[in-house]
Amino acid sequence: MSSATSLLQCDVVVGDLGPSPPMLSLSKFRKALEIPYGFRRLFIPSEEPVFPNPQLDLRFCIWVALKFESLTTRGHCNLVSEVLCTNKRFSHYWEALELLKKAGVLITSDSVRPLIRAYWQMGLADKAIESFGRMSELGCRPDAHAFNTILNVALRKDLFFLALGVYNLMLKSNCSPDEYTYNVLIDGFCKTDNVKGALEMFDEMDQRNILPSLLTFTIIISGLCHGKKVDDAWRLFNVMRERGCQPDLISYNVLIDGFASWGG
C-alpha cells in the first residue's frame, strides 16, 4: 500500500471525527513534546496529557498504526511506546485499529506491534499476549518480528511452555524463524536447565542454514557450564573458533567462570 493511499484512507477514517488539528508528522510531534535534541526517555506527568484533544489523540494512534513500520530507529520506536504508555492510551489505539479495519485499510503486523510493546513496557504481559492473540480479529497475520516480540515477553515472564507453543505456531504459519528467534529460545532452555533442548535448537539452526552468532554460542556455553558440562562447553568453544566466530571478553569470562566453578 502506498504512503499516499494510506494517508488518503486515514483522512476518510477520521473524517467523521469533526474539525480538529491535522495529523502530526513525527517532526512536529517531537517538537510538541519539546525534545531539544535527539530522542530521550519521556517523563511526562500523567495529569498533563500530551494530547488534550481526544480527536488528536485518536489521530495520533491512527498515524502510528499506519506508519510504525517506517520508523527505522530504536529511538523513534521507543518514543512512540512512551507516548502510548502515557495516560494509558490503549483503548484509543484499539479504537484506531477498528476504524482502520472498517475503512478497509490493510492492518499489518507492524500496526499491532507498538501496542504489544507498550503493554509490555507497562508491565502488562498478559495484555501484550492477548493483543497478539487478537491479531486474527483484525485480519492480520503476525510476522517474525511479532512472533519474536511475544517469545521474548513469554520467556521474560518464565512462561516457557507458552513460548514453545508460540514457536510451534510460528512454524505452522510458515513464518520462518531467524537468529533472534533461536537465541531467545536457546536462552530459555538454558535458564530452565534444559541444555539438551538448547542443543537441539542449535542443531535446528544448522538445519535451517541460520548461522549462529557469537551471542548464540555464548548462551549455550554458559548453559553447559551452569550444568557442570565444562568439557562440552570447551569443545563448543573450539567449534565456535573453527567456524570463524571470534570470542570476546564475555565469552572468555563465561568459560573461565565455568572452569573455576568446576575446579571448585
C-alpha atoms as a PDB file:
ATOM      1  CA  MET A   1       0.000   0.000   0.000  1.00  0.00           C
ATOM      2  CA  SER A   2       1.492   3.367  -0.986  1.00  0.00           C
ATOM      3  CA  SER A   3       2.037   6.161   1.511  1.00  0.00           C
ATOM      4  CA  ALA A   4      -0.391   8.414  -0.368  1.00  0.00           C
ATOM      5  CA  THR A   5      -3.094   5.742  -0.322  1.00  0.00           C
ATOM      6  CA  SER A   6      -2.598   5.135   3.384  1.00  0.00           C
ATOM      7  CA  LEU A   7      -2.911   8.827   4.205  1.00  0.00           C
ATOM      8  CA  LEU A   8      -5.979   9.189   1.981  1.00  0.00           C
ATOM      9  CA  GLN A   9      -7.685   6.276   3.713  1.00  0.00           C
ATOM     10  CA  CYS A  10      -6.661   7.715   7.035  1.00  0.00           C
ATOM     11  CA  ASP A  11      -8.374  11.010   6.161  1.00  0.00           C
ATOM     12  CA  VAL A  12     -11.530   9.068   5.334  1.00  0.00           C
ATOM     13  CA  VAL A  13     -11.369   7.229   8.657  1.00  0.00           C
ATOM     14  CA  VAL A  14     -11.002  10.356  10.748  1.00  0.00           C
ATOM     15  CA  GLY A  15     -13.305  12.479   8.634  1.00  0.00           C
ATOM     16  CA  ASP A  16     -16.272  11.860  10.911  1.00  0.00           C
ATOM     17  CA  LEU A  17     -14.412  12.994  13.981  1.00  0.00           C
ATOM     18  CA  GLY A  18     -15.201  16.615  13.277  1.00  0.00           C
ATOM     19  CA  PRO A  19     -12.782  19.512  12.792  1.00  0.00           C
ATOM     20  CA  SER A  20      -9.507  19.012  14.572  1.00  0.00           C
ATOM     21  CA  PRO A  21      -5.831  19.731  14.013  1.00  0.00           C
ATOM     22  CA  PRO A  22      -4.145  17.756  11.215  1.00  0.00           C
ATOM     23  CA  MET A  23      -2.300  14.559  11.995  1.00  0.00           C
ATOM     24  CA  LEU A  24       1.143  15.135  13.442  1.00  0.00           C
ATOM     25  CA  SER A  25       4.245  14.402  11.462  1.00  0.00           C
ATOM     26  CA  LEU A  26       6.975  12.838  13.562  1.00  0.00           C
ATOM     27  CA  SER A  27       8.991  16.066  13.471  1.00  0.00           C
ATOM     28  CA  LYS A  28       6.025  18.129  14.684  1.00  0.00           C
ATOM     29  CA  PHE A  29       5.183  15.520  17.295  1.00  0.00           C
ATOM     30  CA  ARG A  30       8.736  15.630  18.567  1.00  0.00           C
ATOM     31  CA  LYS A  31       8.622  19.439  18.710  1.00  0.00           C
ATOM     32  CA  ALA A  32       5.311  19.351  20.554  1.00  0.00           C
ATOM     33  CA  LEU A  33       6.944  17.305  23.291  1.00  0.00           C
ATOM     34  CA  GLU A  34       9.765  19.857  23.488  1.00  0.00           C
ATOM     35  CA  ILE A  35      12.620  17.442  22.975  1.00  0.00           C
ATOM     36  CA  PRO A  36      15.555  19.765  22.223  1.00  0.00           C
ATOM     37  CA  TYR A  37      17.968  17.206  20.801  1.00  0.00           C
ATOM     38  CA  GLY A  38      17.640  13.578  19.769  1.00  0.00           C
ATOM     39  CA  PHE A  39      15.183  11.175  21.287  1.00  0.00           C
ATOM     40  CA  ARG A  40      15.244  10.673  25.002  1.00  0.00           C
ATOM     41  CA  ARG A  41      13.062   8.935  27.538  1.00  0.00           C
ATOM     42  CA  LEU A  42       9.932  10.932  28.218  1.00  0.00           C
ATOM     43  CA  PHE A  43       8.968  11.821  31.752  1.00  0.00           C
ATOM     44  CA  ILE A  44       5.512  13.239  31.246  1.00  0.00           C
ATOM     45  CA  PRO A  45       3.234  13.503  34.292  1.00  0.00           C
ATOM     46  CA  SER A  46       0.058  11.518  33.801  1.00  0.00           C
ATOM     47  CA  GLU A  47      -2.033  14.522  34.821  1.00  0.00           C
ATOM     48  CA  GLU A  48      -0.648  16.510  31.885  1.00  0.00           C
ATOM     49  CA  PRO A  49      -1.723  14.641  28.753  1.00  0.00           C
ATOM     50  CA  VAL A  50       0.264  15.189  25.575  1.00  0.00           C
ATOM     51  CA  PHE A  51      -2.980  15.392  23.591  1.00  0.00           C
ATOM     52  CA  PRO A  52      -5.666  17.380  25.448  1.00  0.00           C
ATOM     53  CA  ASN A  53      -7.863  16.924  22.373  1.00  0.00           C
ATOM     54  CA  PRO A  54      -9.163  13.308  22.265  1.00  0.00           C
ATOM     55  CA  GLN A  55      -9.635  13.606  18.488  1.00  0.00           C
ATOM     56  CA  LEU A  56      -5.969  14.421  18.078  1.00  0.00           C
ATOM     57  CA  ASP A  57      -5.154  11.551  20.406  1.00  0.00           C
ATOM     58  CA  LEU A  58      -7.056   9.152  18.140  1.00  0.00           C
ATOM     59  CA  ARG A  59      -5.449  10.626  15.045  1.00  0.00           C
ATOM     60  CA  PHE A  60      -2.019  10.024  16.522  1.00  0.00           C
ATOM     61  CA  CYS A  61      -2.902   6.361  17.161  1.00  0.00           C
ATOM     62  CA  ILE A  62      -4.062   6.009  13.555  1.00  0.00           C
ATOM     63  CA  TRP A  63      -0.832   7.597  12.368  1.00  0.00           C
ATOM     64  CA  VAL A  64       1.209   5.133  14.441  1.00  0.00           C
ATOM     65  CA  ALA A  65      -0.764   2.148  13.110  1.00  0.00           C
ATOM     66  CA  LEU A  66      -0.105   3.276   9.537  1.00  0.00           C
ATOM     67  CA  LYS A  67       3.471   4.420   9.896  1.00  0.00           C
ATOM     68  CA  PHE A  68       5.166   2.333  12.581  1.00  0.00           C
ATOM     69  CA  GLU A  69       6.837   0.079  10.012  1.00  0.00           C
ATOM     70  CA  SER A  70       8.605   3.127   8.556  1.00  0.00           C
ATOM     71  CA  LEU A  71      10.264   4.015  11.873  1.00  0.00           C
ATOM     72  CA  THR A  72      13.754   2.657  11.409  1.00  0.00           C
ATOM     73  CA  THR A  73      15.482   3.604  14.656  1.00  0.00           C
ATOM     74  CA  ARG A  74      15.042   2.319  18.192  1.00  0.00           C
ATOM     75  CA  GLY A  75      14.706   5.903  19.390  1.00  0.00           C
ATOM     76  CA  HIS A  76      11.649   6.509  17.208  1.00  0.00           C
ATOM     77  CA  CYS A  77      10.016   3.249  18.315  1.00  0.00           C
ATOM     78  CA  ASN A  78      10.726   3.919  21.978  1.00  0.00           C
ATOM     79  CA  LEU A  79       9.270   7.406  21.674  1.00  0.00           C
ATOM     80  CA  VAL A  80       6.034   6.030  20.247  1.00  0.00           C
ATOM     81  CA  SER A  81       5.828   3.407  23.004  1.00  0.00           C
ATOM     82  CA  GLU A  82       6.394   6.051  25.674  1.00  0.00           C
ATOM     83  CA  VAL A  83       3.553   8.188  24.368  1.00  0.00           C
ATOM     84  CA  LEU A  84       1.172   5.239  24.129  1.00  0.00           C
ATOM     85  CA  CYS A  85       2.007   4.370  27.736  1.00  0.00           C
ATOM     86  CA  THR A  86       1.386   7.935  28.900  1.00  0.00           C
ATOM     87  CA  ASN A  87      -2.150   8.161  30.267  1.00  0.00           C
ATOM     88  CA  LYS A  88      -2.626   4.567  29.053  1.00  0.00           C
ATOM     89  CA  ARG A  89      -3.879   5.266  25.526  1.00  0.00           C
ATOM     90  CA  PHE A  90      -4.532   1.595  24.842  1.00  0.00           C
ATOM     91  CA  SER A  91      -8.280   1.983  24.331  1.00  0.00           C
ATOM     92  CA  HIS A  92      -7.669   4.757  21.795  1.00  0.00           C
ATOM     93  CA  TYR A  93      -5.257   2.529  19.917  1.00  0.00           C
ATOM     94  CA  TRP A  94      -7.746  -0.334  19.751  1.00  0.00           C
ATOM     95  CA  GLU A  95     -10.347   2.148  18.508  1.00  0.00           C
ATOM     96  CA  ALA A  96      -7.914   3.326  15.834  1.00  0.00           C
ATOM     97  CA  LEU A  97      -7.318  -0.241  14.645  1.00  0.00           C
ATOM     98  CA  GLU A  98     -11.068  -0.908  14.473  1.00  0.00           C
ATOM     99  CA  LEU A  99     -11.617   2.294  12.462  1.00  0.00           C
ATOM    100  CA  LEU A 100      -8.900   1.317  10.010  1.00  0.00           C
ATOM    101  CA  LYS A 101     -10.363  -2.166   9.629  1.00  0.00           C
ATOM    102  CA  LYS A 102     -13.848  -0.769   8.920  1.00  0.00           C
ATOM    103  CA  ALA A 103     -12.362   1.604   6.342  1.00  0.00           C
ATOM    104  CA  GLY A 104     -10.809  -1.341   4.509  1.00  0.00           C
ATOM    105  CA  VAL A 105      -7.235  -0.386   5.360  1.00  0.00           C
ATOM    106  CA  LEU A 106      -4.839  -3.327   5.433  1.00  0.00           C
ATOM    107  CA  ILE A 107      -3.643  -3.779   9.005  1.00  0.00           C
ATOM    108  CA  THR A 108      -0.173  -5.278   9.154  1.00  0.00           C
ATOM    109  CA  SER A 109       1.743  -6.924  11.930  1.00  0.00           C
ATOM    110  CA  ASP A 110       3.641  -3.665  12.378  1.00  0.00           C
ATOM    111  CA  SER A 111       0.339  -1.921  13.103  1.00  0.00           C
ATOM    112  CA  VAL A 112      -0.225  -4.061  16.213  1.00  0.00           C
ATOM    113  CA  ARG A 113       3.364  -4.317  17.397  1.00  0.00           C
ATOM    114  CA  PRO A 114       3.537  -0.856  19.036  1.00  0.00           C
ATOM    115  CA  LEU A 115       0.551  -1.834  21.172  1.00  0.00           C
ATOM    116  CA  ILE A 116       2.264  -5.058  22.250  1.00  0.00           C
ATOM    117  CA  ARG A 117       5.460  -3.163  23.056  1.00  0.00           C
ATOM    118  CA  ALA A 118       3.591  -0.540  25.070  1.00  0.00           C
ATOM    119  CA  TYR A 119       1.699  -3.140  27.105  1.00  0.00           C
ATOM    120  CA  TRP A 120       4.978  -4.890  27.877  1.00  0.00           C
ATOM    121  CA  GLN A 121       6.668  -1.646  28.923  1.00  0.00           C
ATOM    122  CA  MET A 122       3.785  -1.018  31.305  1.00  0.00           C
ATOM    123  CA  GLY A 123       4.343  -4.454  32.823  1.00  0.00           C
ATOM    124  CA  LEU A 124       1.104  -5.803  31.351  1.00  0.00           C
ATOM    125  CA  ALA A 125       2.442  -9.024  29.863  1.00  0.00           C
ATOM    126  CA  ASP A 126      -0.992 -10.658  29.815  1.00  0.00           C
ATOM    127  CA  LYS A 127      -2.391  -7.783  27.753  1.00  0.00           C
ATOM    128  CA  ALA A 128       0.573  -7.939  25.383  1.00  0.00           C
ATOM    129  CA  ILE A 129      -0.050 -11.650  24.810  1.00  0.00           C
ATOM    130  CA  GLU A 130      -3.793 -11.039  24.438  1.00  0.00           C
ATOM    131  CA  SER A 131      -3.121  -8.379  21.788  1.00  0.00           C
ATOM    132  CA  PHE A 132      -1.015 -10.859  19.854  1.00  0.00           C
ATOM    133  CA  GLY A 133      -3.845 -13.378  20.036  1.00  0.00           C
ATOM    134  CA  ARG A 134      -6.345 -10.836  18.710  1.00  0.00           C
ATOM    135  CA  MET A 135      -4.400 -10.054  15.564  1.00  0.00           C
ATOM    136  CA  SER A 136      -6.514 -12.526  13.620  1.00  0.00           C
ATOM    137  CA  GLU A 137      -9.633 -10.490  14.501  1.00  0.00           C
ATOM    138  CA  LEU A 138      -8.090  -7.621  12.560  1.00  0.00           C
ATOM    139  CA  GLY A 139      -7.322  -9.822   9.556  1.00  0.00           C
ATOM    140  CA  CYS A 140      -3.648  -9.570  10.378  1.00  0.00           C
ATOM    141  CA  ARG A 141      -1.025 -12.317  10.269  1.00  0.00           C
ATOM    142  CA  PRO A 142       1.933 -11.935  12.641  1.00  0.00           C
ATOM    143  CA  ASP A 143       5.360 -11.757  11.048  1.00  0.00           C
ATOM    144  CA  ALA A 144       8.661 -12.953  12.513  1.00  0.00           C
ATOM    145  CA  HIS A 145       9.144  -9.677  14.369  1.00  0.00           C
ATOM    146  CA  ALA A 146       5.773 -10.027  16.125  1.00  0.00           C
ATOM    147  CA  PHE A 147       6.418 -13.681  16.989  1.00  0.00           C
ATOM    148  CA  ASN A 148       9.837 -12.774  18.389  1.00  0.00           C
ATOM    149  CA  THR A 149       8.329  -9.985  20.481  1.00  0.00           C
ATOM    150  CA  ILE A 150       5.861 -12.389  22.109  1.00  0.00           C
ATOM    151  CA  LEU A 151       8.524 -15.061  22.564  1.00  0.00           C
ATOM    152  CA  ASN A 152      10.599 -12.507  24.430  1.00  0.00           C
ATOM    153  CA  VAL A 153       7.639 -11.455  26.590  1.00  0.00           C
ATOM    154  CA  ALA A 154       6.697 -15.053  27.414  1.00  0.00           C
ATOM    155  CA  LEU A 155      10.222 -16.095  28.372  1.00  0.00           C
ATOM    156  CA  ARG A 156      10.842 -12.981  30.465  1.00  0.00           C
ATOM    157  CA  LYS A 157       7.755 -13.971  32.451  1.00  0.00           C
ATOM    158  CA  ASP A 158       9.039 -17.568  32.690  1.00  0.00           C
ATOM    159  CA  LEU A 159       6.140 -18.831  30.560  1.00  0.00           C
ATOM    160  CA  PHE A 160       8.332 -21.387  28.848  1.00  0.00           C
ATOM    161  CA  PHE A 161       5.616 -23.722  27.598  1.00  0.00           C
ATOM    162  CA  LEU A 162       3.715 -20.770  26.160  1.00  0.00           C
ATOM    163  CA  ALA A 163       6.886 -19.755  24.329  1.00  0.00           C
ATOM    164  CA  LEU A 164       7.187 -23.235  22.834  1.00  0.00           C
ATOM    165  CA  GLY A 165       3.549 -23.028  21.746  1.00  0.00           C
ATOM    166  CA  VAL A 166       4.222 -19.678  20.068  1.00  0.00           C
ATOM    167  CA  TYR A 167       7.243 -21.167  18.314  1.00  0.00           C
ATOM    168  CA  ASN A 168       5.208 -24.121  17.021  1.00  0.00           C
ATOM    169  CA  LEU A 169       2.506 -21.718  15.833  1.00  0.00           C
ATOM    170  CA  MET A 170       5.215 -19.754  14.052  1.00  0.00           C
ATOM    171  CA  LEU A 171       6.311 -22.857  12.158  1.00  0.00           C
ATOM    172  CA  LYS A 172       2.727 -23.889  11.342  1.00  0.00           C
ATOM    173  CA  SER A 173       2.098 -20.383   9.998  1.00  0.00           C
ATOM    174  CA  ASN A 174       5.009 -20.814   7.566  1.00  0.00           C
ATOM    175  CA  CYS A 175       6.759 -17.893   9.236  1.00  0.00           C
ATOM    176  CA  SER A 176      10.485 -18.538   9.131  1.00  0.00           C
ATOM    177  CA  PRO A 177      12.315 -18.171  12.451  1.00  0.00           C
ATOM    178  CA  ASP A 178      15.521 -16.160  12.443  1.00  0.00           C
ATOM    179  CA  GLU A 179      18.631 -15.939  14.591  1.00  0.00           C
ATOM    180  CA  TYR A 180      16.834 -13.840  17.190  1.00  0.00           C
ATOM    181  CA  THR A 181      14.102 -16.472  17.490  1.00  0.00           C
ATOM    182  CA  TYR A 182      16.615 -19.195  18.286  1.00  0.00           C
ATOM    183  CA  ASN A 183      18.703 -17.039  20.619  1.00  0.00           C
ATOM    184  CA  VAL A 184      15.609 -16.305  22.723  1.00  0.00           C
ATOM    185  CA  LEU A 185      14.543 -19.963  22.802  1.00  0.00           C
ATOM    186  CA  ILE A 186      18.037 -21.293  23.481  1.00  0.00           C
ATOM    187  CA  ASP A 187      18.382 -18.850  26.355  1.00  0.00           C
ATOM    188  CA  GLY A 188      15.007 -20.033  27.669  1.00  0.00           C
ATOM    189  CA  PHE A 189      16.091 -23.689  27.568  1.00  0.00           C
ATOM    190  CA  CYS A 190      19.353 -22.884  29.355  1.00  0.00           C
ATOM    191  CA  LYS A 191      17.595 -20.911  32.093  1.00  0.00           C
ATOM    192  CA  THR A 192      15.352 -23.917  32.765  1.00  0.00           C
ATOM    193  CA  ASP A 193      18.441 -26.172  32.959  1.00  0.00           C
ATOM    194  CA  ASN A 194      17.425 -27.970  29.767  1.00  0.00           C
ATOM    195  CA  VAL A 195      20.734 -27.848  27.927  1.00  0.00           C
ATOM    196  CA  LYS A 196      19.684 -30.789  25.763  1.00  0.00           C
ATOM    197  CA  GLY A 197      16.776 -28.754  24.436  1.00  0.00           C
ATOM    198  CA  ALA A 198      19.118 -25.809  23.813  1.00  0.00           C
ATOM    199  CA  LEU A 199      21.459 -28.016  21.788  1.00  0.00           C
ATOM    200  CA  GLU A 200      18.517 -29.374  19.790  1.00  0.00           C
ATOM    201  CA  MET A 201      17.558 -25.798  18.924  1.00  0.00           C
ATOM    202  CA  PHE A 202      21.178 -25.148  17.983  1.00  0.00           C
ATOM    203  CA  ASP A 203      21.118 -28.145  15.621  1.00  0.00           C
ATOM    204  CA  GLU A 204      17.832 -26.909  14.140  1.00  0.00           C
ATOM    205  CA  MET A 205      19.531 -23.614  13.327  1.00  0.00           C
ATOM    206  CA  ASP A 206      22.080 -25.541  11.272  1.00  0.00           C
ATOM    207  CA  GLN A 207      19.326 -27.467   9.501  1.00  0.00           C
ATOM    208  CA  ARG A 208      17.694 -24.177   8.526  1.00  0.00           C
ATOM    209  CA  ASN A 209      21.022 -22.703   7.399  1.00  0.00           C
ATOM    210  CA  ILE A 210      20.874 -19.997  10.044  1.00  0.00           C
ATOM    211  CA  LEU A 211      24.382 -19.139  11.175  1.00  0.00           C
ATOM    212  CA  PRO A 212      24.770 -18.930  14.949  1.00  0.00           C
ATOM    213  CA  SER A 213      26.304 -15.697  16.180  1.00  0.00           C
ATOM    214  CA  LEU A 214      28.781 -15.126  18.973  1.00  0.00           C
ATOM    215  CA  LEU A 215      25.793 -14.471  21.236  1.00  0.00           C
ATOM    216  CA  THR A 216      24.286 -17.856  20.329  1.00  0.00           C
ATOM    217  CA  PHE A 217      27.488 -19.712  21.174  1.00  0.00           C
ATOM    218  CA  THR A 218      27.971 -17.758  24.398  1.00  0.00           C
ATOM    219  CA  ILE A 219      24.449 -18.542  25.606  1.00  0.00           C
ATOM    220  CA  ILE A 220      24.947 -22.291  25.098  1.00  0.00           C
ATOM    221  CA  ILE A 221      28.462 -22.288  26.570  1.00  0.00           C
ATOM    222  CA  SER A 222      27.051 -20.538  29.639  1.00  0.00           C
ATOM    223  CA  GLY A 223      24.265 -23.128  29.872  1.00  0.00           C
ATOM    224  CA  LEU A 224      26.743 -26.009  29.588  1.00  0.00           C
ATOM    225  CA  CYS A 225      28.962 -24.517  32.280  1.00  0.00           C
ATOM    226  CA  HIS A 226      25.986 -23.979  34.563  1.00  0.00           C
ATOM    227  CA  GLY A 227      25.059 -27.626  34.029  1.00  0.00           C
ATOM    228  CA  LYS A 228      28.577 -28.716  35.029  1.00  0.00           C
ATOM    229  CA  LYS A 229      29.344 -29.841  31.463  1.00  0.00           C
ATOM    230  CA  VAL A 230      32.529 -27.846  31.168  1.00  0.00           C
ATOM    231  CA  ASP A 231      34.206 -30.311  28.768  1.00  0.00           C
ATOM    232  CA  ASP A 232      31.291 -29.916  26.351  1.00  0.00           C
ATOM    233  CA  ALA A 233      31.492 -26.152  26.791  1.00  0.00           C
ATOM    234  CA  TRP A 234      35.208 -26.232  25.912  1.00  0.00           C
ATOM    235  CA  ARG A 235      34.524 -28.325  22.804  1.00  0.00           C
ATOM    236  CA  LEU A 236      31.793 -25.936  21.672  1.00  0.00           C
ATOM    237  CA  PHE A 237      34.120 -23.014  22.336  1.00  0.00           C
ATOM    238  CA  ASN A 238      36.636 -24.558  19.935  1.00  0.00           C
ATOM    239  CA  VAL A 239      33.904 -25.246  17.356  1.00  0.00           C
ATOM    240  CA  MET A 240      32.971 -21.577  17.574  1.00  0.00           C
ATOM    241  CA  ARG A 241      36.535 -20.520  16.774  1.00  0.00           C
ATOM    242  CA  GLU A 242      36.840 -23.076  13.964  1.00  0.00           C
ATOM    243  CA  ARG A 243      33.773 -21.514  12.353  1.00  0.00           C
ATOM    244  CA  GLY A 244      35.477 -18.151  12.352  1.00  0.00           C
ATOM    245  CA  CYS A 245      33.441 -16.730  15.222  1.00  0.00           C
ATOM    246  CA  GLN A 246      35.988 -14.953  17.377  1.00  0.00           C
ATOM    247  CA  PRO A 247      35.329 -14.992  21.134  1.00  0.00           C
ATOM    248  CA  ASP A 248      35.069 -11.727  23.038  1.00  0.00           C
ATOM    249  CA  LEU A 249      35.701 -10.810  26.667  1.00  0.00           C
ATOM    250  CA  ILE A 250      32.240 -12.014  27.712  1.00  0.00           C
ATOM    251  CA  SER A 251      32.590 -15.470  26.142  1.00  0.00           C
ATOM    252  CA  TYR A 252      36.057 -15.887  27.666  1.00  0.00           C
ATOM    253  CA  ASN A 253      34.742 -14.911  31.094  1.00  0.00           C
ATOM    254  CA  VAL A 254      31.841 -17.353  30.799  1.00  0.00           C
ATOM    255  CA  LEU A 255      34.239 -20.205  30.050  1.00  0.00           C
ATOM    256  CA  ILE A 256      36.726 -19.196  32.758  1.00  0.00           C
ATOM    257  CA  ASP A 257      33.933 -18.986  35.335  1.00  0.00           C
ATOM    258  CA  GLY A 258      32.802 -22.438  34.241  1.00  0.00           C
ATOM    259  CA  PHE A 259      36.240 -23.948  34.736  1.00  0.00           C
ATOM    260  CA  ALA A 260      36.624 -22.166  38.077  1.00  0.00           C
ATOM    261  CA  SER A 261      33.306 -23.487  39.307  1.00  0.00           C
ATOM    262  CA  TRP A 262      34.068 -26.997  38.068  1.00  0.00           C
ATOM    263  CA  GLY A 263      37.515 -26.945  39.650  1.00  0.00           C
ATOM    264  CA  GLY A 264      35.967 -25.851  42.944  1.00  0.00           C
END
